[in-house]
Amino acid sequence: MELNNAVVEAITSNNWLEYCGVETNLPKGINYSYLSNKKVVNKNVKGVKWENICLEERNNLTGYLAKNKPELYNKNWNVLVREIKTEVLPKVVDKIESQVSILGLSSDIVNSVKFDIINIIMVLTYEKYYNSDFHTSMLDIYLSGHIPCGWDGDYPNGKILVY
């Protein structure tokens, strides 16, 4: 099994966080609320609620694969994650760190974005077997130059927060 090359290419060529703090170039077709307060963004990205939602969504995929496609999951998952960490992340981390610094955001956000990148690529690599509107929306938000940074409401009801 190979990584979804179209997603990897989109991620590696993205202008990371380019439109954060500016309510422009927001993705279409996604139910979101825009955040403009950096303190709230920093708090939300590192918040337990948002982290739990992201973990739950990733766990939905891994649980599905473990139950329905165990050979595909067991044979490939760790190999693909290692490939993302060694081949993809090094191509984007400097851009992300630079933008986080320019924007005056917490440096902790870099780890959250890296975690999101891994999950987005993994979910969309397995999209033939499992569909995740959540991760597709996250990718669209990142590709629009923004950052998904929380949830407004009781998940799954509500809206994704975007900076």
N, C-alpha and C. Protein backbone atom coordinates (compact mmCIF):
# COMPACT_ATOMS: atom_id res chain seq x y z
N MET A 1 0.84 -1.18 0.00
CA MET A 1 0.00 0.00 0.00
C MET A 1 0.88 1.24 0.00
N GLU A 2 0.44 2.25 -0.73
CA GLU A 2 1.19 3.50 -0.82
C GLU A 2 0.36 4.66 -0.30
N LEU A 3 1.05 5.70 0.14
CA LEU A 3 0.38 6.91 0.58
C LEU A 3 -0.40 7.52 -0.58
N ASN A 4 -1.44 8.26 -0.26
CA ASN A 4 -2.22 8.97 -1.26
C ASN A 4 -1.34 10.11 -1.80
N ASN A 5 -0.79 9.90 -3.00
CA ASN A 5 0.17 10.86 -3.56
C ASN A 5 -0.43 12.23 -3.82
N ALA A 6 -1.70 12.29 -4.19
CA ALA A 6 -2.33 13.59 -4.44
C ALA A 6 -2.39 14.41 -3.14
N VAL A 7 -2.70 13.74 -2.04
CA VAL A 7 -2.77 14.43 -0.75
C VAL A 7 -1.37 14.85 -0.31
N VAL A 8 -0.41 13.96 -0.47
CA VAL A 8 0.98 14.28 -0.10
C VAL A 8 1.47 15.48 -0.90
N GLU A 9 1.20 15.49 -2.19
CA GLU A 9 1.61 16.62 -3.04
C GLU A 9 0.94 17.91 -2.61
N ALA A 10 -0.35 17.85 -2.32
CA ALA A 10 -1.06 19.05 -1.87
C ALA A 10 -0.47 19.57 -0.57
N ILE A 11 -0.14 18.68 0.33
CA ILE A 11 0.41 19.08 1.63
C ILE A 11 1.81 19.65 1.48
N THR A 12 2.64 19.03 0.68
CA THR A 12 4.02 19.50 0.55
C THR A 12 4.13 20.80 -0.25
N SER A 13 3.15 21.09 -1.07
CA SER A 13 3.20 22.33 -1.86
C SER A 13 2.34 23.44 -1.26
N ASN A 14 1.74 23.19 -0.12
CA ASN A 14 0.83 24.16 0.51
C ASN A 14 1.59 25.36 1.08
N ASN A 15 0.97 26.52 1.03
CA ASN A 15 1.47 27.72 1.71
C ASN A 15 0.85 27.75 3.10
N TRP A 16 1.51 27.08 4.02
CA TRP A 16 0.97 26.82 5.35
C TRP A 16 0.63 28.09 6.12
N LEU A 17 -0.61 28.13 6.61
CA LEU A 17 -1.12 29.16 7.52
C LEU A 17 -1.03 30.58 6.94
N GLU A 18 -0.97 30.66 5.64
CA GLU A 18 -0.78 31.94 4.94
C GLU A 18 -1.90 32.95 5.22
N TYR A 19 -3.13 32.49 5.42
CA TYR A 19 -4.24 33.41 5.60
C TYR A 19 -4.79 33.42 7.03
N CYS A 20 -4.04 32.85 7.96
CA CYS A 20 -4.47 32.89 9.36
C CYS A 20 -4.54 34.34 9.83
N GLY A 21 -5.59 34.65 10.55
CA GLY A 21 -5.77 36.01 11.05
C GLY A 21 -6.47 36.93 10.08
N VAL A 22 -6.75 36.43 8.88
CA VAL A 22 -7.43 37.21 7.86
C VAL A 22 -8.66 36.43 7.41
N GLU A 23 -9.79 37.05 7.50
CA GLU A 23 -11.03 36.36 7.15
C GLU A 23 -11.25 36.39 5.64
N THR A 24 -10.34 35.74 4.94
CA THR A 24 -10.41 35.64 3.49
C THR A 24 -9.88 34.27 3.07
N ASN A 25 -10.19 33.88 1.85
CA ASN A 25 -9.74 32.62 1.30
C ASN A 25 -10.20 31.42 2.14
N LEU A 26 -11.34 31.56 2.78
CA LEU A 26 -11.87 30.47 3.60
C LEU A 26 -12.49 29.40 2.71
N PRO A 27 -12.39 28.15 3.10
CA PRO A 27 -12.89 27.06 2.26
C PRO A 27 -14.41 27.11 2.13
N LYS A 28 -14.88 26.72 0.97
CA LYS A 28 -16.32 26.68 0.69
C LYS A 28 -16.86 25.30 1.05
N GLY A 29 -18.12 25.25 1.42
CA GLY A 29 -18.79 23.98 1.66
C GLY A 29 -18.51 23.35 3.01
N ILE A 30 -17.89 24.09 3.92
CA ILE A 30 -17.59 23.58 5.25
C ILE A 30 -18.33 24.43 6.27
N ASN A 31 -18.99 23.78 7.20
CA ASN A 31 -19.70 24.49 8.26
C ASN A 31 -18.68 24.87 9.33
N TYR A 32 -18.34 26.16 9.39
CA TYR A 32 -17.30 26.61 10.31
C TYR A 32 -17.67 27.94 10.95
N SER A 33 -16.96 28.25 12.01
CA SER A 33 -16.99 29.58 12.62
C SER A 33 -15.56 30.10 12.59
N TYR A 34 -15.42 31.37 12.23
CA TYR A 34 -14.09 31.97 12.14
C TYR A 34 -13.68 32.54 13.49
N LEU A 35 -12.45 32.25 13.90
CA LEU A 35 -11.87 32.82 15.12
C LEU A 35 -10.83 33.85 14.72
N SER A 36 -10.81 34.97 15.41
CA SER A 36 -9.80 35.98 15.11
C SER A 36 -8.88 36.25 16.30
N ASN A 37 -9.18 35.71 17.45
CA ASN A 37 -8.43 35.96 18.66
C ASN A 37 -7.32 34.91 18.84
N LYS A 38 -6.05 35.35 18.78
CA LYS A 38 -4.92 34.42 18.88
C LYS A 38 -4.89 33.66 20.20
N LYS A 39 -5.26 34.32 21.28
CA LYS A 39 -5.26 33.63 22.57
C LYS A 39 -6.25 32.48 22.59
N VAL A 40 -7.41 32.70 22.00
CA VAL A 40 -8.42 31.64 21.93
C VAL A 40 -7.95 30.52 21.00
N VAL A 41 -7.32 30.90 19.90
CA VAL A 41 -6.78 29.90 18.98
C VAL A 41 -5.75 29.03 19.69
N ASN A 42 -4.78 29.66 20.36
CA ASN A 42 -3.75 28.91 21.09
C ASN A 42 -4.37 27.97 22.11
N LYS A 43 -5.35 28.47 22.84
CA LYS A 43 -6.01 27.66 23.88
C LYS A 43 -6.77 26.49 23.26
N ASN A 44 -7.51 26.75 22.19
CA ASN A 44 -8.34 25.71 21.57
C ASN A 44 -7.52 24.61 20.93
N VAL A 45 -6.47 24.97 20.20
CA VAL A 45 -5.67 23.97 19.50
C VAL A 45 -5.08 22.97 20.49
N LYS A 46 -4.68 23.45 21.65
CA LYS A 46 -4.07 22.58 22.66
C LYS A 46 -5.10 22.05 23.66
N GLY A 47 -6.36 22.40 23.46
CA GLY A 47 -7.40 22.03 24.41
C GLY A 47 -7.79 20.57 24.33
N VAL A 48 -8.21 20.04 25.46
CA VAL A 48 -8.60 18.64 25.56
C VAL A 48 -9.78 18.32 24.65
N LYS A 49 -10.75 19.22 24.58
CA LYS A 49 -11.94 18.97 23.75
C LYS A 49 -11.55 18.74 22.29
N TRP A 50 -10.74 19.64 21.74
CA TRP A 50 -10.33 19.52 20.33
C TRP A 50 -9.45 18.30 20.13
N GLU A 51 -8.51 18.08 21.02
CA GLU A 51 -7.64 16.91 20.90
C GLU A 51 -8.45 15.62 20.94
N ASN A 52 -9.45 15.56 21.82
CA ASN A 52 -10.28 14.36 21.91
C ASN A 52 -11.10 14.13 20.64
N ILE A 53 -11.60 15.21 20.05
CA ILE A 53 -12.35 15.08 18.79
C ILE A 53 -11.43 14.54 17.70
N CYS A 54 -10.23 15.10 17.59
CA CYS A 54 -9.28 14.64 16.56
C CYS A 54 -8.90 13.17 16.78
N LEU A 55 -8.65 12.81 18.04
CA LEU A 55 -8.33 11.41 18.34
C LEU A 55 -9.51 10.49 18.05
N GLU A 56 -10.70 10.91 18.40
CA GLU A 56 -11.89 10.10 18.15
C GLU A 56 -12.06 9.84 16.65
N GLU A 57 -11.87 10.88 15.87
CA GLU A 57 -12.01 10.72 14.42
C GLU A 57 -10.95 9.79 13.84
N ARG A 58 -9.71 9.90 14.31
CA ARG A 58 -8.67 8.99 13.85
C ARG A 58 -8.95 7.57 14.32
N ASN A 59 -9.41 7.44 15.56
CA ASN A 59 -9.72 6.12 16.11
C ASN A 59 -10.90 5.46 15.39
N ASN A 60 -11.81 6.26 14.85
CA ASN A 60 -12.89 5.70 14.04
C ASN A 60 -12.32 4.94 12.85
N LEU A 61 -11.31 5.52 12.23
CA LEU A 61 -10.66 4.85 11.10
C LEU A 61 -9.92 3.60 11.56
N THR A 62 -9.07 3.72 12.56
CA THR A 62 -8.27 2.56 12.96
C THR A 62 -9.16 1.44 13.48
N GLY A 63 -10.22 1.79 14.20
CA GLY A 63 -11.15 0.77 14.67
C GLY A 63 -11.83 0.06 13.52
N TYR A 64 -12.26 0.83 12.52
CA TYR A 64 -12.89 0.24 11.34
C TYR A 64 -11.93 -0.70 10.62
N LEU A 65 -10.71 -0.24 10.42
CA LEU A 65 -9.72 -1.05 9.71
C LEU A 65 -9.37 -2.32 10.49
N ALA A 66 -9.17 -2.18 11.80
CA ALA A 66 -8.82 -3.34 12.62
C ALA A 66 -9.91 -4.40 12.56
N LYS A 67 -11.15 -3.96 12.50
CA LYS A 67 -12.27 -4.89 12.48
C LYS A 67 -12.56 -5.45 11.09
N ASN A 68 -12.52 -4.58 10.08
CA ASN A 68 -12.98 -4.96 8.74
C ASN A 68 -11.87 -5.25 7.74
N LYS A 69 -10.69 -4.71 7.96
CA LYS A 69 -9.56 -4.90 7.03
C LYS A 69 -8.28 -5.12 7.84
N PRO A 70 -8.27 -6.12 8.73
CA PRO A 70 -7.11 -6.26 9.64
C PRO A 70 -5.79 -6.49 8.90
N GLU A 71 -5.81 -7.23 7.81
CA GLU A 71 -4.56 -7.47 7.08
C GLU A 71 -4.01 -6.19 6.49
N LEU A 72 -4.88 -5.36 5.98
CA LEU A 72 -4.49 -4.08 5.39
C LEU A 72 -3.97 -3.13 6.48
N TYR A 73 -4.63 -3.14 7.61
CA TYR A 73 -4.25 -2.28 8.73
C TYR A 73 -2.94 -2.74 9.36
N ASN A 74 -2.87 -3.99 9.76
CA ASN A 74 -1.70 -4.50 10.48
C ASN A 74 -0.43 -4.47 9.64
N LYS A 75 -0.54 -4.73 8.38
CA LYS A 75 0.62 -4.80 7.50
C LYS A 75 1.16 -3.42 7.11
N ASN A 76 0.29 -2.42 7.06
CA ASN A 76 0.69 -1.14 6.45
C ASN A 76 0.73 0.07 7.37
N TRP A 77 -0.07 0.10 8.41
CA TRP A 77 -0.25 1.33 9.18
C TRP A 77 1.07 1.93 9.65
N ASN A 78 1.84 1.19 10.42
CA ASN A 78 3.08 1.73 10.99
C ASN A 78 4.10 2.10 9.92
N VAL A 79 4.14 1.32 8.86
CA VAL A 79 5.06 1.60 7.75
C VAL A 79 4.71 2.95 7.12
N LEU A 80 3.43 3.16 6.88
CA LEU A 80 2.99 4.41 6.26
C LEU A 80 3.21 5.61 7.17
N VAL A 81 2.94 5.45 8.46
CA VAL A 81 3.17 6.56 9.40
C VAL A 81 4.65 6.92 9.43
N ARG A 82 5.52 5.92 9.46
CA ARG A 82 6.97 6.19 9.43
C ARG A 82 7.36 6.94 8.16
N GLU A 83 6.76 6.56 7.05
CA GLU A 83 7.05 7.23 5.78
C GLU A 83 6.64 8.71 5.83
N ILE A 84 5.49 8.98 6.41
CA ILE A 84 5.05 10.37 6.55
C ILE A 84 6.04 11.14 7.42
N LYS A 85 6.44 10.54 8.53
CA LYS A 85 7.35 11.22 9.45
C LYS A 85 8.73 11.47 8.85
N THR A 86 9.20 10.58 8.00
CA THR A 86 10.54 10.73 7.44
C THR A 86 10.57 11.42 6.08
N GLU A 87 9.49 11.29 5.31
CA GLU A 87 9.49 11.82 3.95
C GLU A 87 8.65 13.08 3.76
N VAL A 88 7.55 13.21 4.47
CA VAL A 88 6.63 14.32 4.24
C VAL A 88 6.87 15.45 5.24
N LEU A 89 6.84 15.13 6.51
CA LEU A 89 6.96 16.19 7.52
C LEU A 89 8.22 17.05 7.36
N PRO A 90 9.39 16.47 7.06
CA PRO A 90 10.57 17.33 6.89
C PRO A 90 10.42 18.37 5.78
N LYS A 91 9.54 18.12 4.83
CA LYS A 91 9.34 19.06 3.73
C LYS A 91 8.44 20.24 4.11
N VAL A 92 7.72 20.14 5.23
CA VAL A 92 6.77 21.20 5.56
C VAL A 92 6.99 21.83 6.94
N VAL A 93 7.72 21.19 7.81
CA VAL A 93 7.83 21.67 9.19
C VAL A 93 8.45 23.06 9.26
N ASP A 94 9.48 23.33 8.48
CA ASP A 94 10.11 24.66 8.52
C ASP A 94 9.12 25.76 8.13
N LYS A 95 8.31 25.49 7.10
CA LYS A 95 7.30 26.47 6.67
C LYS A 95 6.29 26.72 7.79
N ILE A 96 5.86 25.65 8.42
CA ILE A 96 4.87 25.76 9.49
C ILE A 96 5.46 26.50 10.68
N GLU A 97 6.66 26.13 11.09
CA GLU A 97 7.31 26.81 12.22
C GLU A 97 7.49 28.30 11.94
N SER A 98 7.88 28.62 10.73
CA SER A 98 8.08 30.01 10.36
C SER A 98 6.77 30.80 10.45
N GLN A 99 5.70 30.25 9.91
CA GLN A 99 4.42 30.95 9.95
C GLN A 99 3.88 31.08 11.36
N VAL A 100 4.04 30.04 12.16
CA VAL A 100 3.60 30.10 13.56
C VAL A 100 4.32 31.23 14.28
N SER A 101 5.62 31.36 14.02
CA SER A 101 6.41 32.43 14.63
C SER A 101 5.95 33.80 14.13
N ILE A 102 5.80 33.95 12.84
CA ILE A 102 5.35 35.22 12.25
C ILE A 102 4.00 35.63 12.81
N LEU A 103 3.11 34.66 12.98
CA LEU A 103 1.76 34.94 13.47
C LEU A 103 1.71 35.19 14.97
N GLY A 104 2.81 34.88 15.66
CA GLY A 104 2.83 35.05 17.10
C GLY A 104 2.00 34.02 17.84
N LEU A 105 1.87 32.84 17.25
CA LEU A 105 1.13 31.75 17.88
C LEU A 105 2.07 30.92 18.74
N SER A 106 1.51 30.14 19.62
CA SER A 106 2.30 29.26 20.47
C SER A 106 3.05 28.23 19.62
N SER A 107 4.32 28.00 19.95
CA SER A 107 5.10 27.01 19.20
C SER A 107 4.53 25.60 19.38
N ASP A 108 3.72 25.38 20.41
CA ASP A 108 3.07 24.08 20.60
C ASP A 108 2.14 23.73 19.45
N ILE A 109 1.68 24.73 18.74
CA ILE A 109 0.76 24.50 17.62
C ILE A 109 1.44 23.67 16.52
N VAL A 110 2.74 23.80 16.39
CA VAL A 110 3.46 23.05 15.36
C VAL A 110 3.22 21.54 15.54
N ASN A 111 3.30 21.06 16.77
CA ASN A 111 3.07 19.63 17.02
C ASN A 111 1.64 19.22 16.68
N SER A 112 0.69 20.09 16.96
CA SER A 112 -0.70 19.80 16.61
C SER A 112 -0.88 19.70 15.10
N VAL A 113 -0.25 20.61 14.37
CA VAL A 113 -0.36 20.58 12.91
C VAL A 113 0.31 19.32 12.36
N LYS A 114 1.45 18.95 12.90
CA LYS A 114 2.12 17.72 12.45
C LYS A 114 1.23 16.51 12.70
N PHE A 115 0.61 16.44 13.86
CA PHE A 115 -0.32 15.36 14.19
C PHE A 115 -1.47 15.33 13.18
N ASP A 116 -2.01 16.51 12.87
CA ASP A 116 -3.09 16.60 11.89
C ASP A 116 -2.64 16.11 10.51
N ILE A 117 -1.45 16.50 10.11
CA ILE A 117 -0.94 16.10 8.80
C ILE A 117 -0.87 14.58 8.71
N ILE A 118 -0.31 13.96 9.73
CA ILE A 118 -0.20 12.50 9.73
C ILE A 118 -1.59 11.88 9.61
N ASN A 119 -2.52 12.36 10.41
CA ASN A 119 -3.87 11.78 10.39
C ASN A 119 -4.59 12.02 9.08
N ILE A 120 -4.47 13.21 8.55
CA ILE A 120 -5.12 13.52 7.27
C ILE A 120 -4.59 12.60 6.18
N ILE A 121 -3.29 12.48 6.08
CA ILE A 121 -2.71 11.62 5.04
C ILE A 121 -3.14 10.17 5.24
N MET A 122 -3.10 9.70 6.48
CA MET A 122 -3.49 8.31 6.73
C MET A 122 -4.95 8.06 6.39
N VAL A 123 -5.83 8.93 6.85
CA VAL A 123 -7.25 8.74 6.58
C VAL A 123 -7.52 8.78 5.08
N LEU A 124 -6.91 9.72 4.38
CA LEU A 124 -7.17 9.84 2.95
C LEU A 124 -6.43 8.79 2.13
N THR A 125 -5.42 8.17 2.72
CA THR A 125 -4.79 7.02 2.07
C THR A 125 -5.73 5.82 2.10
N TYR A 126 -6.49 5.69 3.16
CA TYR A 126 -7.44 4.59 3.31
C TYR A 126 -8.85 4.96 2.86
N GLU A 127 -9.02 6.05 2.13
CA GLU A 127 -10.35 6.53 1.77
C GLU A 127 -11.15 5.54 0.91
N LYS A 128 -10.47 4.64 0.26
CA LYS A 128 -11.16 3.60 -0.51
C LYS A 128 -11.99 2.70 0.41
N TYR A 129 -11.58 2.60 1.66
CA TYR A 129 -12.22 1.71 2.62
C TYR A 129 -13.03 2.46 3.68
N TYR A 130 -12.68 3.73 3.90
CA TYR A 130 -13.31 4.49 4.98
C TYR A 130 -13.34 5.96 4.60
N ASN A 131 -14.50 6.58 4.72
CA ASN A 131 -14.65 7.99 4.37
C ASN A 131 -14.73 8.85 5.62
N SER A 132 -13.98 9.95 5.66
CA SER A 132 -14.00 10.86 6.79
C SER A 132 -14.20 12.30 6.30
N ASP A 133 -15.42 12.79 6.42
CA ASP A 133 -15.68 14.18 6.07
C ASP A 133 -14.87 15.12 6.97
N PHE A 134 -14.67 14.70 8.22
CA PHE A 134 -13.92 15.50 9.18
C PHE A 134 -12.51 15.78 8.65
N HIS A 135 -11.80 14.75 8.25
CA HIS A 135 -10.42 14.93 7.78
C HIS A 135 -10.35 15.60 6.41
N THR A 136 -11.33 15.35 5.58
CA THR A 136 -11.38 16.05 4.30
C THR A 136 -11.56 17.55 4.54
N SER A 137 -12.42 17.90 5.50
CA SER A 137 -12.61 19.31 5.85
C SER A 137 -11.34 19.91 6.42
N MET A 138 -10.66 19.16 7.29
CA MET A 138 -9.40 19.66 7.85
C MET A 138 -8.39 19.95 6.74
N LEU A 139 -8.27 19.03 5.79
CA LEU A 139 -7.35 19.25 4.67
C LEU A 139 -7.74 20.51 3.90
N ASP A 140 -9.01 20.67 3.60
CA ASP A 140 -9.47 21.85 2.87
C ASP A 140 -9.14 23.14 3.63
N ILE A 141 -9.30 23.10 4.94
CA ILE A 141 -8.99 24.28 5.76
C ILE A 141 -7.50 24.59 5.69
N TYR A 142 -6.67 23.58 5.88
CA TYR A 142 -5.22 23.81 5.79
C TYR A 142 -4.81 24.29 4.40
N LEU A 143 -5.37 23.69 3.36
CA LEU A 143 -5.00 24.09 2.00
C LEU A 143 -5.48 25.50 1.68
N SER A 144 -6.47 26.00 2.41
CA SER A 144 -6.93 27.38 2.19
C SER A 144 -6.05 28.39 2.92
N GLY A 145 -5.04 27.89 3.65
CA GLY A 145 -4.12 28.79 4.35
C GLY A 145 -4.53 29.09 5.78
N HIS A 146 -5.48 28.33 6.29
CA HIS A 146 -5.97 28.54 7.65
C HIS A 146 -5.64 27.31 8.51
N ILE A 147 -6.08 27.36 9.76
CA ILE A 147 -5.86 26.23 10.66
C ILE A 147 -7.17 25.87 11.35
N PRO A 148 -7.54 24.58 11.33
CA PRO A 148 -8.67 24.16 12.14
C PRO A 148 -8.24 24.19 13.60
N CYS A 149 -9.05 24.80 14.45
CA CYS A 149 -8.54 25.04 15.80
C CYS A 149 -9.57 24.83 16.90
N GLY A 150 -10.51 23.97 16.67
CA GLY A 150 -11.45 23.67 17.73
C GLY A 150 -12.82 23.35 17.19
N TRP A 151 -13.73 23.16 18.14
CA TRP A 151 -15.10 22.80 17.78
C TRP A 151 -16.06 23.65 18.60
N ASP A 152 -17.05 24.19 17.94
CA ASP A 152 -18.09 24.97 18.59
C ASP A 152 -19.35 24.11 18.66
N GLY A 153 -19.70 23.66 19.85
CA GLY A 153 -20.88 22.82 20.03
C GLY A 153 -20.50 21.48 20.62
N ASP A 154 -21.51 20.63 20.74
CA ASP A 154 -21.29 19.27 21.23
C ASP A 154 -21.08 18.37 20.02
N TYR A 155 -19.85 17.89 19.89
CA TYR A 155 -19.50 17.08 18.74
C TYR A 155 -20.36 15.82 18.68
N PRO A 156 -20.86 15.45 17.52
CA PRO A 156 -20.57 15.94 16.17
C PRO A 156 -21.47 17.09 15.72
N ASN A 157 -22.37 17.53 16.58
CA ASN A 157 -23.21 18.68 16.22
C ASN A 157 -22.38 19.95 16.47
N GLY A 158 -22.54 20.90 15.60
CA GLY A 158 -21.82 22.14 15.75
C GLY A 158 -20.98 22.46 14.53
N LYS A 159 -19.92 23.24 14.77
CA LYS A 159 -19.09 23.73 13.66
C LYS A 159 -17.62 23.64 14.05
N ILE A 160 -16.81 23.45 13.05
CA ILE A 160 -15.36 23.49 13.24
C ILE A 160 -14.95 24.96 13.33
N LEU A 161 -13.99 25.23 14.20
CA LEU A 161 -13.47 26.59 14.35
C LEU A 161 -12.23 26.74 13.48
N VAL A 162 -12.14 27.87 12.81
CA VAL A 162 -11.07 28.12 11.85
C VAL A 162 -10.40 29.45 12.17
N TYR A 163 -9.05 29.46 12.13
CA TYR A 163 -8.29 30.70 12.27
C TYR A 163 -7.54 30.94 10.98
